Structures are given as structure tokens and as C-alpha cells.
């Protein structure tokens, strides 16, 4: 029953998280934003869930194989979910495209992860109020990284 709860929760949360990502991506290209964009990706919920499951399986296998491959994959698959919603790739295509693109700048992504986690942790200290500033900053920064690596479909930018 816990597994079913997690699946249902992820079928709701993943599309909304990608809606927030698309808002950050649109902001990075100065495209108009609507609050309802958060709800635009429920049609991709199953693909996002499969992507997440594959992501976890690969990372766990990597962690079992001496930890370093798991850490590598954790960072390398950073752009997989956005590729599913923005480019319409299948889960495996998105994971592979993300791995190939991120691997070229892997240490930069690791640095980005670490800096953003530290900023988010500090912003949570005053009762989470700082997240009002740091969450949009993170989403826009992620959108800029994605845009610079993969470009942006016209329907996303328009």
C-alpha cells in the first residue's frame, strides 16, 4: 500500500514539478508565464514516472557498484525529466540525452547542485521564508542551463 501511495503521489507531483520547471525555462527566455502552466503536464505523468523509476534503478545499481558510478549518474541524469516534457523524448531517450550532454560539463553541474543545495538549506533556516526567493532563482537557473544545453521549443518560449 505504501508503494501505491508513492506512485499516486508521484503521478501528481512530477507533472507539477515539471510545470514549475517550464515556468523557470520560460522566464529564462522572457516568454509570457501563466500560473496554470503548473498543471499543463499531467498528460506526461506516466512518462515522468517511468523516467523517475529508471533513474532510481540506474543510480542504485551505480551506488552498489562502488558508489562513484551512482554519484556520476545522479548528476548526469539531471536534465532527463525536463527532456521528457519539453522535447517529448521517451524516458530512456531522455536519460541518455541528459547523460551525454551533462557529462561534458559534469563537474559544473555537480558544483551547481552543491551551491543550490547550500543556498536552499540556508534559505530554509528562517522558517522557510527565504524559499520565496531561492526557489524561483533555482528554477530560472535550471531553465537557463537547460536552454543553453538543449535549446527551447517554440511552443515553450512563445
Protein backbone atom coordinates (compact mmCIF):
# COMPACT_ATOMS: atom_id res chain seq x y z
CA UNK A 1 0.00 0.00 0.00
CA UNK A 2 2.95 2.34 0.62
CA UNK A 3 4.19 1.69 -2.91
CA UNK A 4 0.76 2.52 -4.35
CA UNK A 5 0.66 5.74 -2.31
CA UNK A 6 4.09 6.73 -3.62
CA UNK A 7 3.10 6.01 -7.22
CA UNK A 8 -0.06 8.09 -6.89
CA UNK A 9 1.84 10.91 -5.19
CA UNK A 10 4.49 10.92 -7.93
CA UNK A 11 1.83 10.91 -10.65
CA UNK A 12 0.63 14.20 -9.13
CA UNK A 13 3.92 15.81 -8.04
CA UNK A 14 6.14 15.06 -11.06
CA UNK A 15 3.96 16.85 -13.65
CA UNK A 16 3.56 19.83 -11.33
CA UNK A 17 7.33 19.98 -10.69
CA UNK A 18 7.93 19.97 -14.44
CA UNK A 19 5.30 22.70 -14.80
CA UNK A 20 7.37 24.77 -12.37
CA UNK A 21 10.50 23.96 -14.38
CA UNK A 22 8.80 25.15 -17.60
CA UNK A 23 7.86 28.39 -15.82
CA UNK A 24 11.56 28.83 -14.95
CA UNK A 25 12.54 27.99 -18.54
CA UNK A 26 10.02 30.47 -19.95
CA UNK A 27 11.25 33.15 -17.57
CA UNK A 28 14.82 32.47 -18.76
CA UNK A 29 13.78 33.40 -22.32
CA UNK A 30 11.44 36.24 -21.26
CA UNK A 31 8.39 34.36 -22.54
CA UNK A 32 4.97 35.03 -21.02
CA UNK A 33 4.11 32.96 -17.96
CA UNK A 34 0.75 31.84 -16.66
CA UNK A 35 0.09 30.36 -13.24
CA UNK A 36 -1.81 27.50 -14.86
CA UNK A 37 1.41 26.28 -16.54
CA UNK A 38 1.99 24.25 -13.39
CA UNK A 39 -0.90 21.99 -14.43
CA UNK A 40 -0.06 21.62 -18.15
CA UNK A 41 1.94 18.37 -17.95
CA UNK A 42 -0.40 15.82 -16.40
CA UNK A 43 -0.55 14.15 -19.82
CA UNK A 44 3.13 13.27 -19.35
CA UNK A 45 2.67 11.88 -15.81
CA UNK A 46 3.19 8.23 -16.79
CA UNK A 47 6.32 9.01 -18.85
CA UNK A 48 7.70 11.06 -15.97
CA UNK A 49 7.02 8.23 -13.53
CA UNK A 50 8.79 5.71 -15.78
CA UNK A 51 11.71 8.14 -16.16
CA UNK A 52 11.96 8.51 -12.39
CA UNK A 53 11.84 4.73 -11.84
CA UNK A 54 14.56 4.15 -14.46
CA UNK A 55 16.59 6.98 -12.91
CA UNK A 56 16.39 5.37 -9.46
CA UNK A 57 17.18 1.87 -10.76
CA UNK A 58 20.26 3.10 -12.63
CA UNK A 59 21.50 5.22 -9.71
CA UNK A 60 21.00 2.37 -7.21
CA UNK A 61 22.89 -0.03 -9.48
CA UNK A 62 25.64 2.58 -9.76
CA UNK A 63 25.77 3.06 -5.99
CA UNK A 64 26.03 -0.69 -5.46
CA UNK A 65 28.91 -0.77 -7.95
CA UNK A 66 31.40 1.18 -5.79
CA UNK A 67 29.32 4.35 -5.15
CA UNK A 68 31.12 6.58 -7.71
CA UNK A 69 29.07 5.40 -10.73
CA UNK A 70 25.89 6.15 -8.77
CA UNK A 71 27.03 9.67 -7.96
CA UNK A 72 28.02 10.17 -11.60
CA UNK A 73 24.56 9.04 -12.81
CA UNK A 74 22.75 11.11 -10.17
CA UNK A 75 24.27 14.25 -11.67
CA UNK A 76 24.27 13.06 -15.30
CA UNK A 77 20.51 12.42 -15.32
CA UNK A 78 19.75 15.93 -14.02
CA UNK A 79 18.06 17.04 -17.27
CA UNK A 80 16.11 13.84 -18.04
CA UNK A 81 12.72 14.90 -16.69
CA UNK A 82 12.75 18.27 -18.48
CA UNK A 83 13.63 16.49 -21.73
CA UNK A 84 10.55 14.28 -21.36
CA UNK A 85 8.18 17.25 -21.06
CA UNK A 86 9.89 19.86 -23.22
CA UNK A 87 11.27 17.77 -26.10
CA UNK A 88 8.79 14.88 -25.83
CA UNK A 89 11.52 12.23 -25.54
CA UNK A 90 10.80 8.76 -24.24
CA UNK A 91 12.11 8.03 -20.73
CA UNK A 92 15.17 6.11 -21.91
CA UNK A 93 15.95 8.63 -24.68
CA UNK A 94 15.73 11.44 -22.12
CA UNK A 95 18.05 9.67 -19.67
CA UNK A 96 20.61 9.01 -22.39
CA UNK A 97 20.40 12.53 -23.88
CA UNK A 98 20.79 14.02 -20.41
CA UNK A 99 23.75 11.77 -19.59
CA UNK A 100 25.56 12.56 -22.82
CA UNK A 101 25.01 16.33 -22.55
CA UNK A 102 25.66 16.69 -18.81
CA UNK A 103 28.79 14.51 -18.94
CA UNK A 104 30.52 17.21 -20.99
CA UNK A 105 30.14 19.62 -18.03
CA UNK A 106 29.72 17.12 -15.19
CA UNK A 107 31.79 18.98 -12.58
CA UNK A 108 29.98 22.22 -13.38
CA UNK A 109 26.66 20.50 -12.72
CA UNK A 110 27.98 19.00 -9.51
CA UNK A 111 29.07 22.47 -8.41
CA UNK A 112 25.65 23.87 -9.34
CA UNK A 113 23.95 21.14 -7.30
CA UNK A 114 26.12 21.78 -4.25
CA UNK A 115 25.75 25.57 -4.38
CA UNK A 116 21.98 25.39 -4.88
CA UNK A 117 21.54 22.87 -2.05
CA UNK A 118 23.55 25.10 0.28
CA UNK A 119 21.56 28.19 -0.72
CA UNK A 120 18.27 26.31 -0.25
CA UNK A 121 19.34 25.00 3.16
CA UNK A 122 20.31 28.48 4.35
CA UNK A 123 17.07 29.93 2.96
CA UNK A 124 15.07 27.37 4.96
CA UNK A 125 16.58 28.47 8.27
CA UNK A 126 14.30 31.47 8.82
CA UNK A 127 11.13 29.33 8.82
CA UNK A 128 11.48 28.67 5.09
CA UNK A 129 10.72 32.29 4.20
CA UNK A 130 13.89 32.54 2.10
CA UNK A 131 12.48 29.91 -0.25
CA UNK A 132 10.22 32.61 -1.71
CA UNK A 133 13.39 34.00 -3.32
CA UNK A 134 15.58 30.94 -3.73
CA UNK A 135 13.05 28.60 -5.38
CA UNK A 136 12.39 30.95 -8.31
CA UNK A 137 16.14 31.60 -8.55
CA UNK A 138 16.81 27.85 -8.71
CA UNK A 139 14.08 27.25 -11.32
CA UNK A 140 15.30 30.08 -13.53
CA UNK A 141 18.94 28.96 -13.20
CA UNK A 142 17.90 25.40 -14.11
CA UNK A 143 15.93 26.79 -17.06
CA UNK A 144 18.97 28.78 -18.25
CA UNK A 145 21.19 25.70 -18.03
CA UNK A 146 18.64 23.65 -19.96
CA UNK A 147 18.13 26.36 -22.60
CA UNK A 148 21.88 26.70 -23.13
CA UNK A 149 22.32 22.93 -23.50
CA UNK A 150 19.26 21.86 -25.47
CA UNK A 151 17.62 24.99 -26.83
CA UNK A 152 13.96 25.68 -26.30
CA UNK A 153 10.98 24.56 -28.38
CA UNK A 154 8.96 27.43 -29.90
CA UNK A 155 5.78 26.40 -28.07
CA UNK A 156 7.61 26.63 -24.74
CA UNK A 157 9.15 30.01 -25.49
CA UNK A 158 6.08 31.57 -27.08
